[in-house]
PDB file of N, CA and C in Angstrom:
ATOM      1  N   MET A   1      25.988   8.975  -9.025  1.00  0.00           N
ATOM      2  CA  MET A   1      26.195  10.406  -8.890  1.00  0.00           C
ATOM      3  C   MET A   1      27.082  10.883 -10.041  1.00  0.00           C
ATOM      4  N   ASP A   2      26.710  11.992 -10.642  1.00  0.00           N
ATOM      5  CA  ASP A   2      27.539  12.584 -11.695  1.00  0.00           C
ATOM      6  C   ASP A   2      28.789  13.190 -11.081  1.00  0.00           C
ATOM      7  N   SER A   3      29.880  13.168 -11.836  1.00  0.00           N
ATOM      8  CA  SER A   3      31.102  13.818 -11.365  1.00  0.00           C
ATOM      9  C   SER A   3      30.910  15.335 -11.434  1.00  0.00           C
ATOM     10  N   THR A   4      31.709  16.035 -10.675  1.00  0.00           N
ATOM     11  CA  THR A   4      31.644  17.497 -10.679  1.00  0.00           C
ATOM     12  C   THR A   4      31.957  18.042 -12.068  1.00  0.00           C
ATOM     13  N   ILE A   5      32.924  17.461 -12.752  1.00  0.00           N
ATOM     14  CA  ILE A   5      33.298  17.946 -14.083  1.00  0.00           C
ATOM     15  C   ILE A   5      32.157  17.735 -15.077  1.00  0.00           C
ATOM     16  N   ARG A   6      31.408  16.625 -14.936  1.00  0.00           N
ATOM     17  CA  ARG A   6      30.252  16.387 -15.804  1.00  0.00           C
ATOM     18  C   ARG A   6      29.183  17.441 -15.550  1.00  0.00           C
ATOM     19  N   THR A   7      28.927  17.725 -14.290  1.00  0.00           N
ATOM     20  CA  THR A   7      27.950  18.759 -13.944  1.00  0.00           C
ATOM     21  C   THR A   7      28.370  20.106 -14.520  1.00  0.00           C
ATOM     22  N   LEU A   8      29.639  20.444 -14.408  1.00  0.00           N
ATOM     23  CA  LEU A   8      30.125  21.720 -14.939  1.00  0.00           C
ATOM     24  C   LEU A   8      30.040  21.766 -16.467  1.00  0.00           C
ATOM     25  N   ALA A   9      30.331  20.658 -17.140  1.00  0.00           N
ATOM     26  CA  ALA A   9      30.224  20.611 -18.604  1.00  0.00           C
ATOM     27  C   ALA A   9      28.765  20.776 -19.037  1.00  0.00           C
ATOM     28  N   LYS A  10      27.852  20.118 -18.348  1.00  0.00           N
ATOM     29  CA  LYS A  10      26.429  20.266 -18.651  1.00  0.00           C
ATOM     30  C   LYS A  10      25.988  21.705 -18.407  1.00  0.00           C
ATOM     31  N   THR A  11      26.486  22.304 -17.349  1.00  0.00           N
ATOM     32  CA  THR A  11      26.167  23.695 -17.044  1.00  0.00           C
ATOM     33  C   THR A  11      26.628  24.617 -18.162  1.00  0.00           C
ATOM     34  N   LEU A  12      27.846  24.420 -18.631  1.00  0.00           N
ATOM     35  CA  LEU A  12      28.406  25.272 -19.675  1.00  0.00           C
ATOM     36  C   LEU A  12      27.596  25.179 -20.973  1.00  0.00           C
ATOM     37  N   THR A  13      27.258  23.967 -21.402  1.00  0.00           N
ATOM     38  CA  THR A  13      26.498  23.832 -22.645  1.00  0.00           C
ATOM     39  C   THR A  13      25.084  24.374 -22.504  1.00  0.00           C
ATOM     40  N   TRP A  14      24.456  24.132 -21.370  1.00  0.00           N
ATOM     41  CA  TRP A  14      23.093  24.629 -21.135  1.00  0.00           C
ATOM     42  C   TRP A  14      23.082  26.154 -21.078  1.00  0.00           C
ATOM     43  N   GLN A  15      24.016  26.733 -20.357  1.00  0.00           N
ATOM     44  CA  GLN A  15      24.049  28.190 -20.204  1.00  0.00           C
ATOM     45  C   GLN A  15      24.435  28.897 -21.499  1.00  0.00           C
ATOM     46  N   THR A  16      25.251  28.268 -22.317  1.00  0.00           N
ATOM     47  CA  THR A  16      25.594  28.870 -23.606  1.00  0.00           C
ATOM     48  C   THR A  16      24.356  28.989 -24.479  1.00  0.00           C
ATOM     49  N   SER A  17      23.563  27.930 -24.529  1.00  0.00           N
ATOM     50  CA  SER A  17      22.326  27.999 -25.316  1.00  0.00           C
ATOM     51  C   SER A  17      21.360  29.011 -24.709  1.00  0.00           C
ATOM     52  N   GLY A  18      21.278  29.048 -23.392  1.00  0.00           N
ATOM     53  CA  GLY A  18      20.416  30.016 -22.724  1.00  0.00           C
ATOM     54  C   GLY A  18      20.864  31.450 -22.946  1.00  0.00           C
ATOM     55  N   LEU A  19      22.176  31.668 -22.989  1.00  0.00           N
ATOM     56  CA  LEU A  19      22.725  32.997 -23.234  1.00  0.00           C
ATOM     57  C   LEU A  19      22.293  33.514 -24.603  1.00  0.00           C
ATOM     58  N   ILE A  20      22.375  32.657 -25.591  1.00  0.00           N
ATOM     59  CA  ILE A  20      21.989  33.046 -26.947  1.00  0.00           C
ATOM     60  C   ILE A  20      20.495  33.366 -27.022  1.00  0.00           C
ATOM     61  N   VAL A  21      19.691  32.515 -26.421  1.00  0.00           N
ATOM     62  CA  VAL A  21      18.236  32.739 -26.435  1.00  0.00           C
ATOM     63  C   VAL A  21      17.872  34.015 -25.691  1.00  0.00           C
ATOM     64  N   MET A  22      18.448  34.219 -24.499  1.00  0.00           N
ATOM     65  CA  MET A  22      18.132  35.400 -23.696  1.00  0.00           C
ATOM     66  C   MET A  22      18.562  36.682 -24.401  1.00  0.00           C
ATOM     67  N   MET A  23      19.719  36.649 -25.050  1.00  0.00           N
ATOM     68  CA  MET A  23      20.182  37.833 -25.759  1.00  0.00           C
ATOM     69  C   MET A  23      19.243  38.162 -26.920  1.00  0.00           C
ATOM     70  N   ALA A  24      18.800  37.136 -27.638  1.00  0.00           N
ATOM     71  CA  ALA A  24      17.880  37.350 -28.759  1.00  0.00           C
ATOM     72  C   ALA A  24      16.538  37.913 -28.283  1.00  0.00           C
ATOM     73  N   ILE A  25      16.024  37.383 -27.195  1.00  0.00           N
ATOM     74  CA  ILE A  25      14.741  37.859 -26.663  1.00  0.00           C
ATOM     75  C   ILE A  25      14.859  39.314 -26.205  1.00  0.00           C
ATOM     76  N   THR A  26      15.918  39.610 -25.443  1.00  0.00           N
ATOM     77  CA  THR A  26      16.095  40.969 -24.936  1.00  0.00           C
ATOM     78  C   THR A  26      16.328  41.946 -26.075  1.00  0.00           C
ATOM     79  N   TYR A  27      17.076  41.541 -27.087  1.00  0.00           N
ATOM     80  CA  TYR A  27      17.275  42.395 -28.257  1.00  0.00           C
ATOM     81  C   TYR A  27      15.947  42.651 -28.968  1.00  0.00           C
ATOM     82  N   ALA A  28      15.136  41.613 -29.107  1.00  0.00           N
ATOM     83  CA  ALA A  28      13.841  41.766 -29.773  1.00  0.00           C
ATOM     84  C   ALA A  28      12.937  42.740 -29.013  1.00  0.00           C
ATOM     85  N   VAL A  29      13.008  42.729 -27.693  1.00  0.00           N
ATOM     86  CA  VAL A  29      12.160  43.597 -26.874  1.00  0.00           C
ATOM     87  C   VAL A  29      12.702  45.021 -26.820  1.00  0.00           C
ATOM     88  N   THR A  30      14.022  45.163 -26.653  1.00  0.00           N
ATOM     89  CA  THR A  30      14.599  46.498 -26.450  1.00  0.00           C
ATOM     90  C   THR A  30      15.180  47.111 -27.721  1.00  0.00           C
ATOM     91  N   GLY A  31      15.573  46.295 -28.687  1.00  0.00           N
ATOM     92  CA  GLY A  31      16.229  46.797 -29.883  1.00  0.00           C
ATOM     93  C   GLY A  31      17.686  47.165 -29.658  1.00  0.00           C
ATOM     94  N   SER A  32      18.226  46.803 -28.511  1.00  0.00           N
ATOM     95  CA  SER A  32      19.598  47.161 -28.165  1.00  0.00           C
ATOM     96  C   SER A  32      20.437  45.895 -27.942  1.00  0.00           C
ATOM     97  N   LEU A  33      21.519  45.764 -28.724  1.00  0.00           N
ATOM     98  CA  LEU A  33      22.428  44.640 -28.510  1.00  0.00           C
ATOM     99  C   LEU A  33      23.138  44.742 -27.161  1.00  0.00           C
ATOM    100  N   MET A  34      23.463  45.968 -26.742  1.00  0.00           N
ATOM    101  CA  MET A  34      24.136  46.171 -25.453  1.00  0.00           C
ATOM    102  C   MET A  34      23.245  45.704 -24.310  1.00  0.00           C
ATOM    103  N   ASP A  35      21.998  46.142 -24.309  1.00  0.00           N
ATOM    104  CA  ASP A  35      21.064  45.710 -23.262  1.00  0.00           C
ATOM    105  C   ASP A  35      20.858  44.201 -23.315  1.00  0.00           C
ATOM    106  N   GLY A  36      20.736  43.681 -24.527  1.00  0.00           N
ATOM    107  CA  GLY A  36      20.572  42.235 -24.676  1.00  0.00           C
ATOM    108  C   GLY A  36      21.741  41.476 -24.098  1.00  0.00           C
ATOM    109  N   GLY A  37      22.945  41.951 -24.366  1.00  0.00           N
ATOM    110  CA  GLY A  37      24.141  41.296 -23.840  1.00  0.00           C
ATOM    111  C   GLY A  37      24.244  41.371 -22.336  1.00  0.00           C
ATOM    112  N   ILE A  38      23.920  42.540 -21.780  1.00  0.00           N
ATOM    113  CA  ILE A  38      23.992  42.707 -20.324  1.00  0.00           C
ATOM    114  C   ILE A  38      22.986  41.796 -19.619  1.00  0.00           C
ATOM    115  N   VAL A  39      21.744  41.822 -20.081  1.00  0.00           N
ATOM    116  CA  VAL A  39      20.711  40.975 -19.467  1.00  0.00           C
ATOM    117  C   VAL A  39      21.080  39.501 -19.619  1.00  0.00           C
ATOM    118  N   ALA A  40      21.558  39.106 -20.795  1.00  0.00           N
ATOM    119  CA  ALA A  40      21.930  37.715 -21.038  1.00  0.00           C
ATOM    120  C   ALA A  40      23.092  37.290 -20.141  1.00  0.00           C
ATOM    121  N   ALA A  41      24.093  38.145 -19.963  1.00  0.00           N
ATOM    122  CA  ALA A  41      25.241  37.807 -19.116  1.00  0.00           C
ATOM    123  C   ALA A  41      24.829  37.638 -17.655  1.00  0.00           C
ATOM    124  N   ILE A  42      23.998  38.544 -17.167  1.00  0.00           N
ATOM    125  CA  ILE A  42      23.518  38.431 -15.782  1.00  0.00           C
ATOM    126  C   ILE A  42      22.693  37.166 -15.613  1.00  0.00           C
ATOM    127  N   SER A  43      21.824  36.907 -16.568  1.00  0.00           N
ATOM    128  CA  SER A  43      20.991  35.710 -16.522  1.00  0.00           C
ATOM    129  C   SER A  43      21.837  34.438 -16.566  1.00  0.00           C
ATOM    130  N   ALA A  44      22.862  34.415 -17.418  1.00  0.00           N
ATOM    131  CA  ALA A  44      23.724  33.239 -17.535  1.00  0.00           C
ATOM    132  C   ALA A  44      24.489  32.982 -16.242  1.00  0.00           C
ATOM    133  N   ALA A  45      25.005  34.041 -15.638  1.00  0.00           N
ATOM    134  CA  ALA A  45      25.788  33.880 -14.406  1.00  0.00           C
ATOM    135  C   ALA A  45      24.920  33.351 -13.263  1.00  0.00           C
ATOM    136  N   THR A  46      23.759  33.950 -13.075  1.00  0.00           N
ATOM    137  CA  THR A  46      22.887  33.492 -11.987  1.00  0.00           C
ATOM    138  C   THR A  46      22.295  32.118 -12.310  1.00  0.00           C
ATOM    139  N   GLY A  47      21.964  31.900 -13.572  1.00  0.00           N
ATOM    140  CA  GLY A  47      21.405  30.609 -13.973  1.00  0.00           C
ATOM    141  C   GLY A  47      22.406  29.477 -13.816  1.00  0.00           C
ATOM    142  N   ALA A  48      23.672  29.730 -14.120  1.00  0.00           N
ATOM    143  CA  ALA A  48      24.705  28.706 -13.978  1.00  0.00           C
ATOM    144  C   ALA A  48      24.854  28.280 -12.518  1.00  0.00           C
ATOM    145  N   CYS A  49      24.879  29.246 -11.636  1.00  0.00           N
ATOM    146  CA  CYS A  49      24.984  28.927 -10.199  1.00  0.00           C
ATOM    147  C   CYS A  49      23.787  28.112  -9.727  1.00  0.00           C
ATOM    148  N   ALA A  50      22.611  28.516 -10.136  1.00  0.00           N
ATOM    149  CA  ALA A  50      21.399  27.799  -9.740  1.00  0.00           C
ATOM    150  C   ALA A  50      21.378  26.388 -10.330  1.00  0.00           C
ATOM    151  N   TYR A  51      21.828  26.237 -11.584  1.00  0.00           N
ATOM    152  CA  TYR A  51      21.832  24.932 -12.242  1.00  0.00           C
ATOM    153  C   TYR A  51      22.804  23.977 -11.550  1.00  0.00           C
ATOM    154  N   VAL A  52      23.995  24.447 -11.224  1.00  0.00           N
ATOM    155  CA  VAL A  52      24.974  23.589 -10.543  1.00  0.00           C
ATOM    156  C   VAL A  52      24.415  23.125  -9.202  1.00  0.00           C
ATOM    157  N   ALA A  53      23.855  24.037  -8.433  1.00  0.00           N
ATOM    158  CA  ALA A  53      23.270  23.668  -7.142  1.00  0.00           C
ATOM    159  C   ALA A  53      22.141  22.654  -7.336  1.00  0.00           C
ATOM    160  N   HIS A  54      21.279  22.881  -8.307  1.00  0.00           N
ATOM    161  CA  HIS A  54      20.161  21.981  -8.590  1.00  0.00           C
ATOM    162  C   HIS A  54      20.663  20.587  -8.978  1.00  0.00           C
ATOM    163  N   GLU A  55      21.625  20.522  -9.897  1.00  0.00           N
ATOM    164  CA  GLU A  55      22.166  19.236 -10.341  1.00  0.00           C
ATOM    165  C   GLU A  55      22.853  18.489  -9.203  1.00  0.00           C
ATOM    166  N   ARG A  56      23.618  19.191  -8.390  1.00  0.00           N
ATOM    167  CA  ARG A  56      24.339  18.532  -7.300  1.00  0.00           C
ATOM    168  C   ARG A  56      23.362  18.014  -6.239  1.00  0.00           C
ATOM    169  N   LEU A  57      22.307  18.770  -5.978  1.00  0.00           N
ATOM    170  CA  LEU A  57      21.301  18.282  -5.024  1.00  0.00           C
ATOM    171  C   LEU A  57      20.581  17.058  -5.579  1.00  0.00           C
ATOM    172  N   TRP A  58      20.167  17.101  -6.842  1.00  0.00           N
ATOM    173  CA  TRP A  58      19.467  15.965  -7.442  1.00  0.00           C
ATOM    174  C   TRP A  58      20.368  14.741  -7.558  1.00  0.00           C
ATOM    175  N   SER A  59      21.674  14.932  -7.667  1.00  0.00           N
ATOM    176  CA  SER A  59      22.564  13.780  -7.774  1.00  0.00           C
ATOM    177  C   SER A  59      22.590  12.971  -6.483  1.00  0.00           C
ATOM    178  N   ARG A  60      22.120  13.562  -5.400  1.00  0.00           N
ATOM    179  CA  ARG A  60      22.065  12.871  -4.106  1.00  0.00           C
ATOM    180  C   ARG A  60      20.748  12.120  -3.894  1.00  0.00           C
ATOM    181  N   VAL A  61      19.802  12.322  -4.781  1.00  0.00           N
ATOM    182  CA  VAL A  61      18.478  11.697  -4.644  1.00  0.00           C
ATOM    183  C   VAL A  61      18.444  10.440  -5.506  1.00  0.00           C
ATOM    184  N   ASN A  62      18.106   9.310  -4.904  1.00  0.00           N
ATOM    185  CA  ASN A  62      18.056   8.048  -5.635  1.00  0.00           C
ATOM    186  C   ASN A  62      16.697   7.782  -6.268  1.00  0.00           C
ATOM    187  N   TRP A  63      15.693   8.528  -5.902  1.00  0.00           N
ATOM    188  CA  TRP A  63      14.347   8.325  -6.418  1.00  0.00           C
ATOM    189  C   TRP A  63      14.341   8.377  -7.944  1.00  0.00           C
ATOM    190  N   GLY A  64      13.717   7.385  -8.579  1.00  0.00           N
ATOM    191  CA  GLY A  64      13.562   7.367 -10.020  1.00  0.00           C
ATOM    192  C   GLY A  64      14.749   6.827 -10.805  1.00  0.00           C
ATOM    193  N   ARG A  65      15.824   6.490 -10.125  1.00  0.00           N
ATOM    194  CA  ARG A  65      16.987   5.932 -10.814  1.00  0.00           C
ATOM    195  C   ARG A  65      16.762   4.445 -11.050  1.00  0.00           C
ATOM    196  N   VAL A  66      17.228   3.992 -12.192  1.00  0.00           N
ATOM    197  CA  VAL A  66      17.159   2.572 -12.515  1.00  0.00           C
ATOM    198  C   VAL A  66      18.579   2.052 -12.541  1.00  0.00           C
ATOM    199  N   VAL A  67      18.822   1.020 -11.757  1.00  0.00           N
ATOM    200  CA  VAL A  67      20.145   0.409 -11.700  1.00  0.00           C
ATOM    201  C   VAL A  67      20.202  -0.643 -12.802  1.00  0.00           C
ATOM    202  N   GLU A  68      21.253  -0.585 -13.623  1.00  0.00           N
ATOM    203  CA  GLU A  68      21.396  -1.545 -14.721  1.00  0.00           C
ATOM    204  C   GLU A  68      21.376  -2.973 -14.189  1.00  0.00           C
ATOM    205  N   GLY A  69      20.636  -3.820 -14.894  1.00  0.00           N
ATOM    206  CA  GLY A  69      20.579  -5.226 -14.537  1.00  0.00           C
ATOM    207  C   GLY A  69      19.564  -5.558 -13.454  1.00  0.00           C
ATOM    208  N   SER A  70      18.840  -4.539 -12.953  1.00  0.00           N
ATOM    209  CA  SER A  70      17.900  -4.810 -11.850  1.00  0.00           C
ATOM    210  C   SER A  70      16.448  -4.837 -12.338  1.00  0.00           C
ATOM    211  N   ARG A  71      16.248  -4.770 -13.639  1.00  0.00           N
ATOM    212  CA  ARG A  71      14.872  -4.783 -14.156  1.00  0.00           C
ATOM    213  C   ARG A  71      14.309  -6.140 -14.179  1.00  0.00           C
TER     214      ARG A  71
END
């Protein structure tokens, strides 16, 4: 199982990249940096919560894990 701090660090790096991409896409569609920033911030906040929940749930599932030395 990943530690909570590892999950949070992964969340931060993933959401930062997503924030940049979402802001660029929204700016390209609307032509507004303000709209791009607002949409990106909302997306990052909701996405971060969903990602943490997803990672924590998957950390409880043993399916597909390979234990070192058991091959």
